[in-house]
């Protein structure tokens, strides 16, 4: 593993954190207390509508989504397809609109599980809540 402080025989643990009509969210624990989140999102739903106190990398493993992001007072909506990667800076508002059933990995950079905060952005959260019902 390259880092002497990590066990050489570490096996990540996968835990189902939440499941509903939108899909599932899993956590993957890493040996140093960090975690990845694995999300399965069904077509037609929205997830997110918030920002984090740390940088985050998002990898769309499969599927297709519009990634709504807010840079200051400017909104952008790039289309992401399986294999695409996005970087969210701390404080940057983001929301995924899933066009097809999709799998996503999220990794909070430079922090451990529970070592970051989330702030909702209500104009986007309204769309997330509406897609959950």
C-alpha atoms as a PDB file:
ATOM      1  CA  UNK A   1       0.000   0.000   0.000  1.00  0.00           C
ATOM      2  CA  UNK A   2       3.014   2.293  -0.005  1.00  0.00           C
ATOM      3  CA  UNK A   3       2.381   3.929   3.399  1.00  0.00           C
ATOM      4  CA  UNK A   4       4.101   2.171   6.313  1.00  0.00           C
ATOM      5  CA  UNK A   5       1.374   3.239   8.762  1.00  0.00           C
ATOM      6  CA  UNK A   6      -1.344   1.306   6.893  1.00  0.00           C
ATOM      7  CA  UNK A   7      -1.779  -2.427   7.396  1.00  0.00           C
ATOM      8  CA  UNK A   8      -0.646  -4.397   4.358  1.00  0.00           C
ATOM      9  CA  UNK A   9      -3.596  -6.801   4.624  1.00  0.00           C
ATOM     10  CA  UNK A  10      -6.364  -4.228   5.013  1.00  0.00           C
ATOM     11  CA  UNK A  11      -9.737  -5.175   3.548  1.00  0.00           C
ATOM     12  CA  UNK A  12     -12.208  -2.295   3.114  1.00  0.00           C
ATOM     13  CA  UNK A  13     -15.609  -2.731   4.715  1.00  0.00           C
ATOM     14  CA  UNK A  14     -18.786  -1.880   2.817  1.00  0.00           C
ATOM     15  CA  UNK A  15     -21.799  -0.762   4.864  1.00  0.00           C
ATOM     16  CA  UNK A  16     -25.296   0.068   3.635  1.00  0.00           C
ATOM     17  CA  UNK A  17     -26.079   3.479   5.150  1.00  0.00           C
ATOM     18  CA  UNK A  18     -29.438   4.240   3.535  1.00  0.00           C
ATOM     19  CA  UNK A  19     -31.840   2.809   0.958  1.00  0.00           C
ATOM     20  CA  UNK A  20     -35.090   4.188  -0.431  1.00  0.00           C
ATOM     21  CA  UNK A  21     -36.916   4.532  -3.759  1.00  0.00           C
ATOM     22  CA  UNK A  22     -34.061   6.704  -5.096  1.00  0.00           C
ATOM     23  CA  UNK A  23     -31.391   4.010  -4.643  1.00  0.00           C
ATOM     24  CA  UNK A  24     -28.805   3.149  -1.997  1.00  0.00           C
ATOM     25  CA  UNK A  25     -25.896   4.838  -0.234  1.00  0.00           C
ATOM     26  CA  UNK A  26     -22.960   2.774   1.050  1.00  0.00           C
ATOM     27  CA  UNK A  27     -19.902   3.794   3.036  1.00  0.00           C
ATOM     28  CA  UNK A  28     -16.517   2.201   2.442  1.00  0.00           C
ATOM     29  CA  UNK A  29     -14.159   2.499   5.391  1.00  0.00           C
ATOM     30  CA  UNK A  30     -10.472   3.010   4.588  1.00  0.00           C
ATOM     31  CA  UNK A  31      -7.634   1.999   6.936  1.00  0.00           C
ATOM     32  CA  UNK A  32      -6.734   5.516   8.067  1.00  0.00           C
ATOM     33  CA  UNK A  33     -10.262   6.538   9.124  1.00  0.00           C
ATOM     34  CA  UNK A  34     -11.161   8.080   5.798  1.00  0.00           C
ATOM     35  CA  UNK A  35     -14.188   6.852   3.890  1.00  0.00           C
ATOM     36  CA  UNK A  36     -15.590   6.714   0.408  1.00  0.00           C
ATOM     37  CA  UNK A  37     -19.293   6.904  -0.306  1.00  0.00           C
ATOM     38  CA  UNK A  38     -20.770   4.688  -3.021  1.00  0.00           C
ATOM     39  CA  UNK A  39     -24.170   5.807  -4.303  1.00  0.00           C
ATOM     40  CA  UNK A  40     -26.578   3.982  -6.562  1.00  0.00           C
ATOM     41  CA  UNK A  41     -29.034   6.526  -7.944  1.00  0.00           C
ATOM     42  CA  UNK A  42     -32.035   5.731 -10.111  1.00  0.00           C
ATOM     43  CA  UNK A  43     -32.971   7.640 -13.250  1.00  0.00           C
ATOM     44  CA  UNK A  44     -34.994  10.794 -12.682  1.00  0.00           C
ATOM     45  CA  UNK A  45     -33.860  11.613  -9.160  1.00  0.00           C
ATOM     46  CA  UNK A  46     -31.752  14.408  -7.686  1.00  0.00           C
ATOM     47  CA  UNK A  47     -29.140  14.077  -4.926  1.00  0.00           C
ATOM     48  CA  UNK A  48     -27.156  16.728  -3.103  1.00  0.00           C
ATOM     49  CA  UNK A  49     -28.092  20.382  -3.215  1.00  0.00           C
ATOM     50  CA  UNK A  50     -25.454  21.291  -0.668  1.00  0.00           C
ATOM     51  CA  UNK A  51     -21.804  22.160  -0.128  1.00  0.00           C
ATOM     52  CA  UNK A  52     -19.157  20.667   2.157  1.00  0.00           C
ATOM     53  CA  UNK A  53     -16.489  22.173   4.410  1.00  0.00           C
ATOM     54  CA  UNK A  54     -13.811  20.218   2.534  1.00  0.00           C
ATOM     55  CA  UNK A  55     -12.872  19.507  -1.063  1.00  0.00           C
ATOM     56  CA  UNK A  56     -14.486  16.462  -2.658  1.00  0.00           C
ATOM     57  CA  UNK A  57     -13.828  14.296  -5.698  1.00  0.00           C
ATOM     58  CA  UNK A  58     -16.809  12.698  -7.447  1.00  0.00           C
ATOM     59  CA  UNK A  59     -16.390   9.819  -9.909  1.00  0.00           C
ATOM     60  CA  UNK A  60     -19.357   8.748 -12.014  1.00  0.00           C
ATOM     61  CA  UNK A  61     -18.632   5.040 -12.398  1.00  0.00           C
ATOM     62  CA  UNK A  62     -21.569   4.327 -14.710  1.00  0.00           C
ATOM     63  CA  UNK A  63     -24.616   6.098 -16.038  1.00  0.00           C
ATOM     64  CA  UNK A  64     -25.236   9.708 -16.939  1.00  0.00           C
ATOM     65  CA  UNK A  65     -26.052  12.808 -14.907  1.00  0.00           C
ATOM     66  CA  UNK A  66     -26.299  16.551 -15.157  1.00  0.00           C
ATOM     67  CA  UNK A  67     -24.096  18.000 -12.458  1.00  0.00           C
ATOM     68  CA  UNK A  68     -25.586  21.275 -11.261  1.00  0.00           C
ATOM     69  CA  UNK A  69     -22.875  23.424  -9.674  1.00  0.00           C
ATOM     70  CA  UNK A  70     -22.869  26.949  -8.353  1.00  0.00           C
ATOM     71  CA  UNK A  71     -19.679  29.020  -8.670  1.00  0.00           C
ATOM     72  CA  UNK A  72     -20.314  32.208  -6.696  1.00  0.00           C
ATOM     73  CA  UNK A  73     -23.464  33.542  -8.364  1.00  0.00           C
ATOM     74  CA  UNK A  74     -23.001  31.605 -11.608  1.00  0.00           C
ATOM     75  CA  UNK A  75     -24.664  28.256 -12.261  1.00  0.00           C
ATOM     76  CA  UNK A  76     -23.151  25.640 -14.577  1.00  0.00           C
ATOM     77  CA  UNK A  77     -24.606  22.274 -15.525  1.00  0.00           C
ATOM     78  CA  UNK A  78     -22.092  19.969 -17.199  1.00  0.00           C
ATOM     79  CA  UNK A  79     -23.214  16.581 -18.473  1.00  0.00           C
ATOM     80  CA  UNK A  80     -21.260  13.714 -16.905  1.00  0.00           C
ATOM     81  CA  UNK A  81     -21.044  10.185 -18.284  1.00  0.00           C
ATOM     82  CA  UNK A  82     -19.578   6.992 -16.844  1.00  0.00           C
ATOM     83  CA  UNK A  83     -15.857   7.487 -16.184  1.00  0.00           C
ATOM     84  CA  UNK A  84     -16.053  11.275 -15.734  1.00  0.00           C
ATOM     85  CA  UNK A  85     -14.555  12.920 -12.639  1.00  0.00           C
ATOM     86  CA  UNK A  86     -15.555  16.212 -10.975  1.00  0.00           C
ATOM     87  CA  UNK A  87     -13.864  18.201  -8.225  1.00  0.00           C
ATOM     88  CA  UNK A  88     -15.938  20.203  -5.747  1.00  0.00           C
ATOM     89  CA  UNK A  89     -14.087  22.830  -3.766  1.00  0.00           C
ATOM     90  CA  UNK A  90     -14.986  23.446  -0.134  1.00  0.00           C
ATOM     91  CA  UNK A  91     -18.111  25.629  -0.063  1.00  0.00           C
ATOM     92  CA  UNK A  92     -19.071  24.887  -3.686  1.00  0.00           C
ATOM     93  CA  UNK A  93     -22.757  23.983  -4.046  1.00  0.00           C
ATOM     94  CA  UNK A  94     -23.495  20.893  -6.154  1.00  0.00           C
ATOM     95  CA  UNK A  95     -26.378  18.564  -7.051  1.00  0.00           C
ATOM     96  CA  UNK A  96     -26.624  15.509  -9.291  1.00  0.00           C
ATOM     97  CA  UNK A  97     -29.596  15.050 -11.613  1.00  0.00           C
ATOM     98  CA  UNK A  98     -29.493  11.406 -12.667  1.00  0.00           C
ATOM     99  CA  UNK A  99     -30.588  10.823 -16.251  1.00  0.00           C
ATOM    100  CA  UNK A 100     -30.042   7.059 -16.075  1.00  0.00           C
ATOM    101  CA  UNK A 101     -29.502   4.547 -13.275  1.00  0.00           C
ATOM    102  CA  UNK A 102     -25.996   5.421 -12.094  1.00  0.00           C
ATOM    103  CA  UNK A 103     -23.205   4.514  -9.661  1.00  0.00           C
ATOM    104  CA  UNK A 104     -21.085   7.272  -8.096  1.00  0.00           C
ATOM    105  CA  UNK A 105     -18.119   7.347  -5.703  1.00  0.00           C
ATOM    106  CA  UNK A 106     -17.571  10.396  -3.501  1.00  0.00           C
ATOM    107  CA  UNK A 107     -14.327  11.033  -1.618  1.00  0.00           C
ATOM    108  CA  UNK A 108     -13.937  13.893   0.868  1.00  0.00           C
ATOM    109  CA  UNK A 109     -10.317  15.068   0.660  1.00  0.00           C
ATOM    110  CA  UNK A 110      -8.085  15.672   3.656  1.00  0.00           C
ATOM    111  CA  UNK A 111     -10.578  14.649   6.311  1.00  0.00           C
ATOM    112  CA  UNK A 112     -11.819  11.633   8.219  1.00  0.00           C
ATOM    113  CA  UNK A 113     -15.305  10.242   8.699  1.00  0.00           C
ATOM    114  CA  UNK A 114     -17.344  12.843  10.539  1.00  0.00           C
ATOM    115  CA  UNK A 115     -14.585  15.458  10.179  1.00  0.00           C
ATOM    116  CA  UNK A 116     -16.492  17.690   7.765  1.00  0.00           C
ATOM    117  CA  UNK A 117     -19.768  19.591   7.693  1.00  0.00           C
ATOM    118  CA  UNK A 118     -22.494  20.041   5.085  1.00  0.00           C
ATOM    119  CA  UNK A 119     -24.542  23.174   4.315  1.00  0.00           C
ATOM    120  CA  UNK A 120     -27.779  22.860   2.365  1.00  0.00           C
ATOM    121  CA  UNK A 121     -28.662  25.225  -0.490  1.00  0.00           C
ATOM    122  CA  UNK A 122     -32.455  25.453  -0.369  1.00  0.00           C
ATOM    123  CA  UNK A 123     -33.192  26.217  -4.045  1.00  0.00           C
ATOM    124  CA  UNK A 124     -31.518  22.902  -4.955  1.00  0.00           C
ATOM    125  CA  UNK A 125     -32.690  20.989  -1.871  1.00  0.00           C
ATOM    126  CA  UNK A 126     -36.306  21.648  -2.899  1.00  0.00           C
ATOM    127  CA  UNK A 127     -35.674  19.660  -6.103  1.00  0.00           C
ATOM    128  CA  UNK A 128     -33.967  16.880  -4.138  1.00  0.00           C
ATOM    129  CA  UNK A 129     -36.909  16.581  -1.744  1.00  0.00           C
ATOM    130  CA  UNK A 130     -39.429  16.627  -4.607  1.00  0.00           C
ATOM    131  CA  UNK A 131     -37.627  13.759  -6.378  1.00  0.00           C
ATOM    132  CA  UNK A 132     -37.680  11.690  -3.166  1.00  0.00           C
ATOM    133  CA  UNK A 133     -41.467  11.647  -2.931  1.00  0.00           C
END
